[in-house]
Amino acid sequence: MQLTPKFLMTLLAVSLGACAPMGDAWLDFGGVVSDPAGHPIKGAQVSIMVNGKPLDSGGATTTDELGRYSFHASSCPCDFAFDLKATASGFRPYSLSLSGAQANQLARQDITLAPQ
């Protein structure tokens, strides 16, 4: 068996009880942020938190002129806490909490922000 750097990092992560992304699980979803009347909200901030921490990269985005957002980030098939948050000026913050298994199966999540 050859001890490659990837193998050693995976072994270290497993031995420390961490969840090592293995490339077979992805947070790959998107949706539309809108107001209660269905009008898209341009410029809303949408972010992902995993175990209470932001992703190292790809964990935050801004909606386009049609209110659309999307995420594509490496995940892991293990148990973790997932939070999706959205904010926009003049609206109440939105938050959705899921298990890691639910988050890895998420394909679309439309968000309706209530006015303040």
PDB file of N, CA and C in Angstrom:
ATOM      1  N   MET A   1       0.843  -1.178   0.000  1.00  0.00           N
ATOM      2  CA  MET A   1       0.000   0.000   0.000  1.00  0.00           C
ATOM      3  C   MET A   1       0.888   1.240   0.000  1.00  0.00           C
ATOM      4  N   GLN A   2       0.564   2.180  -0.898  1.00  0.00           N
ATOM      5  CA  GLN A   2       1.329   3.413  -0.989  1.00  0.00           C
ATOM      6  C   GLN A   2       0.685   4.463  -0.088  1.00  0.00           C
ATOM      7  N   LEU A   3       1.476   5.148   0.693  1.00  0.00           N
ATOM      8  CA  LEU A   3       0.967   6.167   1.607  1.00  0.00           C
ATOM      9  C   LEU A   3       1.019   7.524   0.919  1.00  0.00           C
ATOM     10  N   THR A   4      -0.053   7.845   0.200  1.00  0.00           N
ATOM     11  CA  THR A   4      -0.139   9.125  -0.495  1.00  0.00           C
ATOM     12  C   THR A   4      -0.560  10.207   0.493  1.00  0.00           C
ATOM     13  N   PRO A   5      -0.305  11.472   0.158  1.00  0.00           N
ATOM     14  CA  PRO A   5      -0.745  12.558   1.051  1.00  0.00           C
ATOM     15  C   PRO A   5      -2.257  12.541   1.306  1.00  0.00           C
ATOM     16  N   LYS A   6      -3.050  12.230   0.263  1.00  0.00           N
ATOM     17  CA  LYS A   6      -4.510  12.187   0.441  1.00  0.00           C
ATOM     18  C   LYS A   6      -4.893  11.082   1.422  1.00  0.00           C
ATOM     19  N   PHE A   7      -4.276   9.915   1.281  1.00  0.00           N
ATOM     20  CA  PHE A   7      -4.554   8.807   2.189  1.00  0.00           C
ATOM     21  C   PHE A   7      -4.178   9.182   3.625  1.00  0.00           C
ATOM     22  N   LEU A   8      -3.027   9.806   3.793  1.00  0.00           N
ATOM     23  CA  LEU A   8      -2.585  10.196   5.144  1.00  0.00           C
ATOM     24  C   LEU A   8      -3.520  11.231   5.769  1.00  0.00           C
ATOM     25  N   MET A   9      -3.994  12.200   4.974  1.00  0.00           N
ATOM     26  CA  MET A   9      -4.917  13.212   5.500  1.00  0.00           C
ATOM     27  C   MET A   9      -6.253  12.574   5.884  1.00  0.00           C
ATOM     28  N   THR A  10      -6.729  11.646   5.070  1.00  0.00           N
ATOM     29  CA  THR A  10      -7.979  10.951   5.385  1.00  0.00           C
ATOM     30  C   THR A  10      -7.824  10.127   6.646  1.00  0.00           C
ATOM     31  N   LEU A  11      -6.705   9.428   6.758  1.00  0.00           N
ATOM     32  CA  LEU A  11      -6.435   8.625   7.950  1.00  0.00           C
ATOM     33  C   LEU A  11      -6.371   9.505   9.191  1.00  0.00           C
ATOM     34  N   LEU A  12      -5.717  10.638   9.087  1.00  0.00           N
ATOM     35  CA  LEU A  12      -5.631  11.568  10.214  1.00  0.00           C
ATOM     36  C   LEU A  12      -7.010  12.085  10.599  1.00  0.00           C
ATOM     37  N   ALA A  13      -7.821  12.475   9.612  1.00  0.00           N
ATOM     38  CA  ALA A  13      -9.159  12.993   9.895  1.00  0.00           C
ATOM     39  C   ALA A  13     -10.029  11.940  10.564  1.00  0.00           C
ATOM     40  N   VAL A  14      -9.978  10.714  10.068  1.00  0.00           N
ATOM     41  CA  VAL A  14     -10.775   9.631  10.651  1.00  0.00           C
ATOM     42  C   VAL A  14     -10.306   9.338  12.067  1.00  0.00           C
ATOM     43  N   SER A  15      -9.008   9.325  12.282  1.00  0.00           N
ATOM     44  CA  SER A  15      -8.491   9.024  13.616  1.00  0.00           C
ATOM     45  C   SER A  15      -8.832  10.109  14.621  1.00  0.00           C
ATOM     46  N   LEU A  16      -9.015  11.343  14.150  1.00  0.00           N
ATOM     47  CA  LEU A  16      -9.383  12.442  15.040  1.00  0.00           C
ATOM     48  C   LEU A  16     -10.895  12.583  15.185  1.00  0.00           C
ATOM     49  N   GLY A  17     -11.628  11.709  14.526  1.00  0.00           N
ATOM     50  CA  GLY A  17     -13.085  11.738  14.633  1.00  0.00           C
ATOM     51  C   GLY A  17     -13.725  12.788  13.762  1.00  0.00           C
ATOM     52  N   ALA A  18     -12.997  13.305  12.804  1.00  0.00           N
ATOM     53  CA  ALA A  18     -13.535  14.342  11.934  1.00  0.00           C
ATOM     54  C   ALA A  18     -14.229  13.711  10.733  1.00  0.00           C
ATOM     55  N   CYS A  19     -14.944  14.521  10.044  1.00  0.00           N
ATOM     56  CA  CYS A  19     -15.611  14.077   8.827  1.00  0.00           C
ATOM     57  C   CYS A  19     -14.769  14.533   7.646  1.00  0.00           C
ATOM     58  N   ALA A  20     -14.195  13.601   6.938  1.00  0.00           N
ATOM     59  CA  ALA A  20     -13.355  13.938   5.790  1.00  0.00           C
ATOM     60  C   ALA A  20     -14.160  13.850   4.511  1.00  0.00           C
ATOM     61  N   PRO A  21     -14.255  14.960   3.749  1.00  0.00           N
ATOM     62  CA  PRO A  21     -14.943  14.873   2.468  1.00  0.00           C
ATOM     63  C   PRO A  21     -14.260  13.843   1.579  1.00  0.00           C
ATOM     64  N   MET A  22     -15.055  12.992   0.960  1.00  0.00           N
ATOM     65  CA  MET A  22     -14.504  11.934   0.137  1.00  0.00           C
ATOM     66  C   MET A  22     -14.854  12.124  -1.329  1.00  0.00           C
ATOM     67  N   GLY A  23     -15.447  13.249  -1.683  1.00  0.00           N
ATOM     68  CA  GLY A  23     -15.770  13.504  -3.071  1.00  0.00           C
ATOM     69  C   GLY A  23     -17.034  12.815  -3.554  1.00  0.00           C
ATOM     70  N   ASP A  24     -17.708  12.058  -2.705  1.00  0.00           N
ATOM     71  CA  ASP A  24     -18.910  11.361  -3.149  1.00  0.00           C
ATOM     72  C   ASP A  24     -20.181  12.001  -2.611  1.00  0.00           C
ATOM     73  N   ALA A  25     -20.070  13.079  -1.909  1.00  0.00           N
ATOM     74  CA  ALA A  25     -21.230  13.794  -1.393  1.00  0.00           C
ATOM     75  C   ALA A  25     -21.056  15.282  -1.706  1.00  0.00           C
ATOM     76  N   TRP A  26     -22.156  15.896  -2.104  1.00  0.00           N
ATOM     77  CA  TRP A  26     -22.089  17.305  -2.488  1.00  0.00           C
ATOM     78  C   TRP A  26     -23.286  18.067  -1.947  1.00  0.00           C
ATOM     79  N   LEU A  27     -23.041  19.312  -1.594  1.00  0.00           N
ATOM     80  CA  LEU A  27     -24.110  20.269  -1.349  1.00  0.00           C
ATOM     81  C   LEU A  27     -24.300  20.930  -2.710  1.00  0.00           C
ATOM     82  N   ASP A  28     -25.319  20.530  -3.437  1.00  0.00           N
ATOM     83  CA  ASP A  28     -25.529  20.969  -4.808  1.00  0.00           C
ATOM     84  C   ASP A  28     -26.999  21.331  -4.979  1.00  0.00           C
ATOM     85  N   PHE A  29     -27.321  22.588  -4.718  1.00  0.00           N
ATOM     86  CA  PHE A  29     -28.717  23.010  -4.776  1.00  0.00           C
ATOM     87  C   PHE A  29     -28.791  24.503  -5.033  1.00  0.00           C
ATOM     88  N   GLY A  30     -29.966  24.969  -5.276  1.00  0.00           N
ATOM     89  CA  GLY A  30     -30.212  26.387  -5.479  1.00  0.00           C
ATOM     90  C   GLY A  30     -31.684  26.670  -5.327  1.00  0.00           C
ATOM     91  N   GLY A  31     -32.049  27.871  -5.665  1.00  0.00           N
ATOM     92  CA  GLY A  31     -33.444  28.257  -5.559  1.00  0.00           C
ATOM     93  C   GLY A  31     -33.610  29.732  -5.861  1.00  0.00           C
ATOM     94  N   VAL A  32     -34.740  30.263  -5.436  1.00  0.00           N
ATOM     95  CA  VAL A  32     -35.067  31.666  -5.650  1.00  0.00           C
ATOM     96  C   VAL A  32     -35.441  32.271  -4.305  1.00  0.00           C
ATOM     97  N   VAL A  33     -34.942  33.464  -4.048  1.00  0.00           N
ATOM     98  CA  VAL A  33     -35.334  34.237  -2.866  1.00  0.00           C
ATOM     99  C   VAL A  33     -36.352  35.269  -3.337  1.00  0.00           C
ATOM    100  N   SER A  34     -37.516  35.270  -2.676  1.00  0.00           N
ATOM    101  CA  SER A  34     -38.581  36.189  -3.079  1.00  0.00           C
ATOM    102  C   SER A  34     -39.303  36.753  -1.863  1.00  0.00           C
ATOM    103  N   ASP A  35     -40.148  37.751  -2.120  1.00  0.00           N
ATOM    104  CA  ASP A  35     -40.987  38.300  -1.058  1.00  0.00           C
ATOM    105  C   ASP A  35     -42.298  37.506  -1.028  1.00  0.00           C
ATOM    106  N   PRO A  36     -43.181  37.768  -0.063  1.00  0.00           N
ATOM    107  CA  PRO A  36     -44.422  36.995   0.032  1.00  0.00           C
ATOM    108  C   PRO A  36     -45.333  37.084  -1.202  1.00  0.00           C
ATOM    109  N   ALA A  37     -45.181  38.143  -2.005  1.00  0.00           N
ATOM    110  CA  ALA A  37     -45.981  38.273  -3.228  1.00  0.00           C
ATOM    111  C   ALA A  37     -45.353  37.526  -4.401  1.00  0.00           C
ATOM    112  N   GLY A  38     -44.178  36.915  -4.173  1.00  0.00           N
ATOM    113  CA  GLY A  38     -43.511  36.159  -5.227  1.00  0.00           C
ATOM    114  C   GLY A  38     -42.534  36.955  -6.069  1.00  0.00           C
ATOM    115  N   HIS A  39     -42.312  38.224  -5.701  1.00  0.00           N
ATOM    116  CA  HIS A  39     -41.352  39.041  -6.440  1.00  0.00           C
ATOM    117  C   HIS A  39     -39.931  38.666  -6.022  1.00  0.00           C
ATOM    118  N   PRO A  40     -39.035  38.467  -6.986  1.00  0.00           N
ATOM    119  CA  PRO A  40     -37.657  38.087  -6.646  1.00  0.00           C
ATOM    120  C   PRO A  40     -36.946  39.207  -5.895  1.00  0.00           C
ATOM    121  N   ILE A  41     -36.038  38.810  -5.008  1.00  0.00           N
ATOM    122  CA  ILE A  41     -35.253  39.777  -4.252  1.00  0.00           C
ATOM    123  C   ILE A  41     -33.815  39.732  -4.772  1.00  0.00           C
ATOM    124  N   LYS A  42     -33.424  40.777  -5.487  1.00  0.00           N
ATOM    125  CA  LYS A  42     -32.067  40.899  -6.014  1.00  0.00           C
ATOM    126  C   LYS A  42     -31.132  41.326  -4.886  1.00  0.00           C
ATOM    127  N   GLY A  43     -29.949  40.730  -4.823  1.00  0.00           N
ATOM    128  CA  GLY A  43     -28.925  41.136  -3.867  1.00  0.00           C
ATOM    129  C   GLY A  43     -29.069  40.547  -2.471  1.00  0.00           C
ATOM    130  N   ALA A  44     -29.946  39.569  -2.300  1.00  0.00           N
ATOM    131  CA  ALA A  44     -30.053  38.909  -0.992  1.00  0.00           C
ATOM    132  C   ALA A  44     -28.774  38.107  -0.735  1.00  0.00           C
ATOM    133  N   GLN A  45     -28.324  38.090   0.501  1.00  0.00           N
ATOM    134  CA  GLN A  45     -27.145  37.324   0.898  1.00  0.00           C
ATOM    135  C   GLN A  45     -27.606  35.951   1.384  1.00  0.00           C
ATOM    136  N   VAL A  46     -27.065  34.880   0.790  1.00  0.00           N
ATOM    137  CA  VAL A  46     -27.430  33.519   1.158  1.00  0.00           C
ATOM    138  C   VAL A  46     -26.150  32.795   1.547  1.00  0.00           C
ATOM    139  N   SER A  47     -26.165  32.111   2.697  1.00  0.00           N
ATOM    140  CA  SER A  47     -24.947  31.446   3.158  1.00  0.00           C
ATOM    141  C   SER A  47     -25.250  30.086   3.779  1.00  0.00           C
ATOM    142  N   ILE A  48     -24.209  29.254   3.794  1.00  0.00           N
ATOM    143  CA  ILE A  48     -24.266  27.914   4.373  1.00  0.00           C
ATOM    144  C   ILE A  48     -23.346  27.875   5.584  1.00  0.00           C
ATOM    145  N   MET A  49     -23.824  27.238   6.646  1.00  0.00           N
ATOM    146  CA  MET A  49     -23.005  26.969   7.830  1.00  0.00           C
ATOM    147  C   MET A  49     -23.002  25.457   8.041  1.00  0.00           C
ATOM    148  N   VAL A  50     -21.848  24.891   8.341  1.00  0.00           N
ATOM    149  CA  VAL A  50     -21.724  23.472   8.637  1.00  0.00           C
ATOM    150  C   VAL A  50     -21.127  23.350  10.034  1.00  0.00           C
ATOM    151  N   ASN A  51     -21.861  22.680  10.917  1.00  0.00           N
ATOM    152  CA  ASN A  51     -21.472  22.568  12.325  1.00  0.00           C
ATOM    153  C   ASN A  51     -21.179  23.937  12.935  1.00  0.00           C
ATOM    154  N   GLY A  52     -22.007  24.925  12.563  1.00  0.00           N
ATOM    155  CA  GLY A  52     -21.902  26.258  13.132  1.00  0.00           C
ATOM    156  C   GLY A  52     -20.813  27.131  12.557  1.00  0.00           C
ATOM    157  N   LYS A  53     -20.120  26.656  11.515  1.00  0.00           N
ATOM    158  CA  LYS A  53     -19.027  27.423  10.924  1.00  0.00           C
ATOM    159  C   LYS A  53     -19.265  27.596   9.432  1.00  0.00           C
ATOM    160  N   PRO A  54     -18.858  28.762   8.882  1.00  0.00           N
ATOM    161  CA  PRO A  54     -18.993  28.940   7.437  1.00  0.00           C
ATOM    162  C   PRO A  54     -18.054  28.005   6.681  1.00  0.00           C
ATOM    163  N   LEU A  55     -18.442  27.629   5.471  1.00  0.00           N
ATOM    164  CA  LEU A  55     -17.562  26.816   4.635  1.00  0.00           C
ATOM    165  C   LEU A  55     -16.303  27.609   4.315  1.00  0.00           C
ATOM    166  N   ASP A  56     -15.190  26.896   4.109  1.00  0.00           N
ATOM    167  CA  ASP A  56     -13.932  27.557   3.771  1.00  0.00           C
ATOM    168  C   ASP A  56     -14.046  28.336   2.464  1.00  0.00           C
ATOM    169  N   SER A  57     -14.721  27.756   1.479  1.00  0.00           N
ATOM    170  CA  SER A  57     -14.930  28.449   0.211  1.00  0.00           C
ATOM    171  C   SER A  57     -16.264  28.008  -0.379  1.00  0.00           C
ATOM    172  N   GLY A  58     -16.893  28.916  -1.089  1.00  0.00           N
ATOM    173  CA  GLY A  58     -18.151  28.591  -1.744  1.00  0.00           C
ATOM    174  C   GLY A  58     -19.351  28.544  -0.828  1.00  0.00           C
ATOM    175  N   GLY A  59     -19.243  29.096   0.379  1.00  0.00           N
ATOM    176  CA  GLY A  59     -20.327  29.011   1.336  1.00  0.00           C
ATOM    177  C   GLY A  59     -21.200  30.241   1.438  1.00  0.00           C
ATOM    178  N   ALA A  60     -20.991  31.217   0.536  1.00  0.00           N
ATOM    179  CA  ALA A  60     -21.808  32.423   0.556  1.00  0.00           C
ATOM    180  C   ALA A  60     -21.993  32.908  -0.878  1.00  0.00           C
ATOM    181  N   THR A  61     -23.174  33.456  -1.136  1.00  0.00           N
ATOM    182  CA  THR A  61     -23.466  33.975  -2.464  1.00  0.00           C
ATOM    183  C   THR A  61     -24.491  35.092  -2.359  1.00  0.00           C
ATOM    184  N   THR A  62     -24.698  35.785  -3.461  1.00  0.00           N
ATOM    185  CA  THR A  62     -25.679  36.864  -3.555  1.00  0.00           C
ATOM    186  C   THR A  62     -26.631  36.533  -4.696  1.00  0.00           C
ATOM    187  N   THR A  63     -27.916  36.793  -4.495  1.00  0.00           N
ATOM    188  CA  THR A  63     -28.894  36.489  -5.539  1.00  0.00           C
ATOM    189  C   THR A  63     -28.734  37.434  -6.727  1.00  0.00           C
ATOM    190  N   ASP A  64     -29.068  36.913  -7.909  1.00  0.00           N
ATOM    191  CA  ASP A  64     -29.000  37.718  -9.125  1.00  0.00           C
ATOM    192  C   ASP A  64     -30.288  38.536  -9.271  1.00  0.00           C
ATOM    193  N   GLU A  65     -30.460  39.184 -10.437  1.00  0.00           N
ATOM    194  CA  GLU A  65     -31.619  40.061 -10.648  1.00  0.00           C
ATOM    195  C   GLU A  65     -32.952  39.320 -10.627  1.00  0.00           C
ATOM    196  N   LEU A  66     -32.918  37.993 -10.810  1.00  0.00           N
ATOM    197  CA  LEU A  66     -34.145  37.188 -10.741  1.00  0.00           C
ATOM    198  C   LEU A  66     -34.294  36.492  -9.394  1.00  0.00           C
ATOM    199  N   GLY A  67     -33.454  36.872  -8.428  1.00  0.00           N
ATOM    200  CA  GLY A  67     -33.528  36.292  -7.087  1.00  0.00           C
ATOM    201  C   GLY A  67     -32.907  34.913  -6.967  1.00  0.00           C
ATOM    202  N   ARG A  68     -32.200  34.458  -8.005  1.00  0.00           N
ATOM    203  CA  ARG A  68     -31.642  33.103  -8.021  1.00  0.00           C
ATOM    204  C   ARG A  68     -30.309  33.026  -7.279  1.00  0.00           C
ATOM    205  N   TYR A  69     -30.092  31.874  -6.657  1.00  0.00           N
ATOM    206  CA  TYR A  69     -28.816  31.562  -6.002  1.00  0.00           C
ATOM    207  C   TYR A  69     -28.535  30.080  -6.217  1.00  0.00           C
ATOM    208  N   SER A  70     -27.272  29.696  -6.054  1.00  0.00           N
ATOM    209  CA  SER A  70     -26.920  28.277  -6.139  1.00  0.00           C
ATOM    210  C   SER A  70     -25.636  28.007  -5.373  1.00  0.00           C
ATOM    211  N   PHE A  71     -25.508  26.763  -4.925  1.00  0.00           N
ATOM    212  CA  PHE A  71     -24.317  26.284  -4.221  1.00  0.00           C
ATOM    213  C   PHE A  71     -23.874  24.966  -4.831  1.00  0.00           C
ATOM    214  N   HIS A  72     -22.580  24.792  -4.918  1.00  0.00           N
ATOM    215  CA  HIS A  72     -21.984  23.505  -5.312  1.00  0.00           C
ATOM    216  C   HIS A  72     -20.691  23.389  -4.507  1.00  0.00           C
ATOM    217  N   ALA A  73     -20.736  22.604  -3.436  1.00  0.00           N
ATOM    218  CA  ALA A  73     -19.576  22.474  -2.550  1.00  0.00           C
ATOM    219  C   ALA A  73     -19.416  21.024  -2.118  1.00  0.00           C
ATOM    220  N   SER A  74     -18.187  20.601  -1.961  1.00  0.00           N
ATOM    221  CA  SER A  74     -17.899  19.251  -1.491  1.00  0.00           C
ATOM    222  C   SER A  74     -18.446  19.084  -0.080  1.00  0.00           C
ATOM    223  N   SER A  75     -19.007  17.937   0.176  1.00  0.00           N
ATOM    224  CA  SER A  75     -19.575  17.632   1.481  1.00  0.00           C
ATOM    225  C   SER A  75     -19.002  16.310   1.951  1.00  0.00           C
ATOM    226  N   CYS A  76     -19.596  15.733   2.944  1.00  0.00           N
ATOM    227  CA  CYS A  76     -19.194  14.405   3.385  1.00  0.00           C
ATOM    228  C   CYS A  76     -20.453  13.608   3.714  1.00  0.00           C
ATOM    229  N   PRO A  77     -20.368  12.298   3.642  1.00  0.00           N
ATOM    230  CA  PRO A  77     -21.550  11.479   3.915  1.00  0.00           C
ATOM    231  C   PRO A  77     -21.798  11.255   5.408  1.00  0.00           C
ATOM    232  N   CYS A  78     -21.084  11.954   6.255  1.00  0.00           N
ATOM    233  CA  CYS A  78     -21.219  11.752   7.700  1.00  0.00           C
ATOM    234  C   CYS A  78     -22.300  12.666   8.290  1.00  0.00           C
ATOM    235  N   ASP A  79     -22.480  12.566   9.580  1.00  0.00           N
ATOM    236  CA  ASP A  79     -23.477  13.363  10.273  1.00  0.00           C
ATOM    237  C   ASP A  79     -22.905  14.750  10.579  1.00  0.00           C
ATOM    238  N   PHE A  80     -23.629  15.787  10.186  1.00  0.00           N
ATOM    239  CA  PHE A  80     -23.230  17.155  10.512  1.00  0.00           C
ATOM    240  C   PHE A  80     -24.472  18.022  10.578  1.00  0.00           C
ATOM    241  N   ALA A  81     -24.343  19.166  11.220  1.00  0.00           N
ATOM    242  CA  ALA A  81     -25.440  20.124  11.311  1.00  0.00           C
ATOM    243  C   ALA A  81     -25.294  21.125  10.172  1.00  0.00           C
ATOM    244  N   PHE A  82     -26.373  21.347   9.424  1.00  0.00           N
ATOM    245  CA  PHE A  82     -26.370  22.223   8.258  1.00  0.00           C
ATOM    246  C   PHE A  82     -27.361  23.353   8.487  1.00  0.00           C
ATOM    247  N   ASP A  83     -26.935  24.570   8.216  1.00  0.00           N
ATOM    248  CA  ASP A  83     -27.822  25.731   8.316  1.00  0.00           C
ATOM    249  C   ASP A  83     -27.718  26.559   7.048  1.00  0.00           C
ATOM    250  N   LEU A  84     -28.870  26.928   6.507  1.00  0.00           N
ATOM    251  CA  LEU A  84     -28.957  27.815   5.361  1.00  0.00           C
ATOM    252  C   LEU A  84     -29.547  29.122   5.876  1.00  0.00           C
ATOM    253  N   LYS A  85     -28.887  30.228   5.567  1.00  0.00           N
ATOM    254  CA  LYS A  85     -29.351  31.528   6.046  1.00  0.00           C
ATOM    255  C   LYS A  85     -29.469  32.490   4.870  1.00  0.00           C
ATOM    256  N   ALA A  86     -30.481  33.371   4.937  1.00  0.00           N
ATOM    257  CA  ALA A  86     -30.661  34.387   3.906  1.00  0.00           C
ATOM    258  C   ALA A  86     -31.055  35.699   4.565  1.00  0.00           C
ATOM    259  N   THR A  87     -30.475  36.786   4.065  1.00  0.00           N
ATOM    260  CA  THR A  87     -30.795  38.115   4.571  1.00  0.00           C
ATOM    261  C   THR A  87     -30.889  39.096   3.404  1.00  0.00           C
ATOM    262  N   ALA A  88     -31.715  40.119   3.582  1.00  0.00           N
ATOM    263  CA  ALA A  88     -31.832  41.205   2.611  1.00  0.00           C
ATOM    264  C   ALA A  88     -32.359  42.430   3.360  1.00  0.00           C
ATOM    265  N   SER A  89     -31.919  43.581   2.939  1.00  0.00           N
ATOM    266  CA  SER A  89     -32.343  44.829   3.561  1.00  0.00           C
ATOM    267  C   SER A  89     -33.857  44.972   3.498  1.00  0.00           C
ATOM    268  N   GLY A  90     -34.477  45.293   4.639  1.00  0.00           N
ATOM    269  CA  GLY A  90     -35.919  45.482   4.714  1.00  0.00           C
ATOM    270  C   GLY A  90     -36.707  44.206   4.971  1.00  0.00           C
ATOM    271  N   PHE A  91     -35.992  43.083   5.143  1.00  0.00           N
ATOM    272  CA  PHE A  91     -36.646  41.793   5.362  1.00  0.00           C
ATOM    273  C   PHE A  91     -36.105  41.119   6.618  1.00  0.00           C
ATOM    274  N   ARG A  92     -36.932  40.265   7.217  1.00  0.00           N
ATOM    275  CA  ARG A  92     -36.488  39.469   8.362  1.00  0.00           C
ATOM    276  C   ARG A  92     -35.534  38.374   7.889  1.00  0.00           C
ATOM    277  N   PRO A  93     -34.533  38.045   8.696  1.00  0.00           N
ATOM    278  CA  PRO A  93     -33.613  36.957   8.329  1.00  0.00           C
ATOM    279  C   PRO A  93     -34.352  35.620   8.247  1.00  0.00           C
ATOM    280  N   TYR A  94     -33.846  34.757   7.387  1.00  0.00           N
ATOM    281  CA  TYR A  94     -34.389  33.412   7.173  1.00  0.00           C
ATOM    282  C   TYR A  94     -33.333  32.405   7.592  1.00  0.00           C
ATOM    283  N   SER A  95     -33.771  31.308   8.204  1.00  0.00           N
ATOM    284  CA  SER A  95     -32.839  30.248   8.582  1.00  0.00           C
ATOM    285  C   SER A  95     -33.528  28.898   8.446  1.00  0.00           C
ATOM    286  N   LEU A  96     -32.790  27.927   7.908  1.00  0.00           N
ATOM    287  CA  LEU A  96     -33.271  26.561   7.764  1.00  0.00           C
ATOM    288  C   LEU A  96     -32.186  25.635   8.290  1.00  0.00           C
ATOM    289  N   SER A  97     -32.544  24.755   9.226  1.00  0.00           N
ATOM    290  CA  SER A  97     -31.592  23.785   9.781  1.00  0.00           C
ATOM    291  C   SER A  97     -31.975  22.384   9.324  1.00  0.00           C
ATOM    292  N   LEU A  98     -30.966  21.638   8.840  1.00  0.00           N
ATOM    293  CA  LEU A  98     -31.163  20.272   8.374  1.00  0.00           C
ATOM    294  C   LEU A  98     -30.037  19.388   8.893  1.00  0.00           C
ATOM    295  N   SER A  99     -30.258  18.085   8.849  1.00  0.00           N
ATOM    296  CA  SER A  99     -29.174  17.147   9.126  1.00  0.00           C
ATOM    297  C   SER A  99     -28.280  17.092   7.891  1.00  0.00           C
ATOM    298  N   GLY A 100     -27.085  16.555   8.046  1.00  0.00           N
ATOM    299  CA  GLY A 100     -26.185  16.403   6.914  1.00  0.00           C
ATOM    300  C   GLY A 100     -26.777  15.554   5.814  1.00  0.00           C
ATOM    301  N   ALA A 101     -27.448  14.463   6.184  1.00  0.00           N
ATOM    302  CA  ALA A 101     -28.059  13.580   5.183  1.00  0.00           C
ATOM    303  C   ALA A 101     -29.122  14.328   4.384  1.00  0.00           C
ATOM    304  N   GLN A 102     -29.939  15.134   5.062  1.00  0.00           N
ATOM    305  CA  GLN A 102     -30.962  15.917   4.368  1.00  0.00           C
ATOM    306  C   GLN A 102     -30.317  16.958   3.457  1.00  0.00           C
ATOM    307  N   ALA A 103     -29.272  17.620   3.939  1.00  0.00           N
ATOM    308  CA  ALA A 103     -28.590  18.648   3.153  1.00  0.00           C
ATOM    309  C   ALA A 103     -27.969  18.060   1.894  1.00  0.00           C
ATOM    310  N   ASN A 104     -27.390  16.872   1.998  1.00  0.00           N
ATOM    311  CA  ASN A 104     -26.767  16.235   0.833  1.00  0.00           C
ATOM    312  C   ASN A 104     -27.791  15.826  -0.212  1.00  0.00           C
ATOM    313  N   GLN A 105     -29.063  15.700   0.158  1.00  0.00           N
ATOM    314  CA  GLN A 105     -30.130  15.336  -0.780  1.00  0.00           C
ATOM    315  C   GLN A 105     -30.882  16.555  -1.313  1.00  0.00           C
ATOM    316  N   LEU A 106     -30.594  17.724  -0.773  1.00  0.00           N
ATOM    317  CA  LEU A 106     -31.300  18.944  -1.157  1.00  0.00           C
ATOM    318  C   LEU A 106     -31.018  19.271  -2.621  1.00  0.00           C
ATOM    319  N   ALA A 107     -32.069  19.486  -3.400  1.00  0.00           N
ATOM    320  CA  ALA A 107     -31.912  19.822  -4.815  1.00  0.00           C
ATOM    321  C   ALA A 107     -32.369  21.258  -5.090  1.00  0.00           C
ATOM    322  N   ARG A 108     -33.407  21.688  -4.379  1.00  0.00           N
ATOM    323  CA  ARG A 108     -33.933  23.046  -4.555  1.00  0.00           C
ATOM    324  C   ARG A 108     -34.496  23.527  -3.224  1.00  0.00           C
ATOM    325  N   GLN A 109     -34.217  24.785  -2.917  1.00  0.00           N
ATOM    326  CA  GLN A 109     -34.775  25.385  -1.717  1.00  0.00           C
ATOM    327  C   GLN A 109     -35.116  26.833  -2.023  1.00  0.00           C
ATOM    328  N   ASP A 110     -36.383  27.080  -2.346  1.00  0.00           N
ATOM    329  CA  ASP A 110     -36.847  28.438  -2.533  1.00  0.00           C
ATOM    330  C   ASP A 110     -37.045  29.059  -1.156  1.00  0.00           C
ATOM    331  N   ILE A 111     -36.786  30.358  -1.082  1.00  0.00           N
ATOM    332  CA  ILE A 111     -36.833  31.082   0.193  1.00  0.00           C
ATOM    333  C   ILE A 111     -37.760  32.277   0.056  1.00  0.00           C
ATOM    334  N   THR A 112     -38.697  32.415   0.982  1.00  0.00           N
ATOM    335  CA  THR A 112     -39.555  33.598   1.039  1.00  0.00           C
ATOM    336  C   THR A 112     -39.159  34.401   2.266  1.00  0.00           C
ATOM    337  N   LEU A 113     -38.773  35.665   2.032  1.00  0.00           N
ATOM    338  CA  LEU A 113     -38.402  36.547   3.133  1.00  0.00           C
ATOM    339  C   LEU A 113     -39.590  37.442   3.487  1.00  0.00           C
ATOM    340  N   ALA A 114     -39.897  37.483   4.771  1.00  0.00           N
ATOM    341  CA  ALA A 114     -40.985  38.331   5.257  1.00  0.00           C
ATOM    342  C   ALA A 114     -40.478  39.744   5.482  1.00  0.00           C
ATOM    343  N   PRO A 115     -41.284  40.749   5.163  1.00  0.00           N
ATOM    344  CA  PRO A 115     -40.867  42.143   5.414  1.00  0.00           C
ATOM    345  C   PRO A 115     -40.710  42.391   6.919  1.00  0.00           C
ATOM    346  N   GLN A 116     -39.859  43.360   7.242  1.00  0.00           N
ATOM    347  CA  GLN A 116     -39.666  43.728   8.653  1.00  0.00           C
ATOM    348  C   GLN A 116     -40.817  44.560   9.146  1.00  0.00           C
TER     349      GLN A 116
END
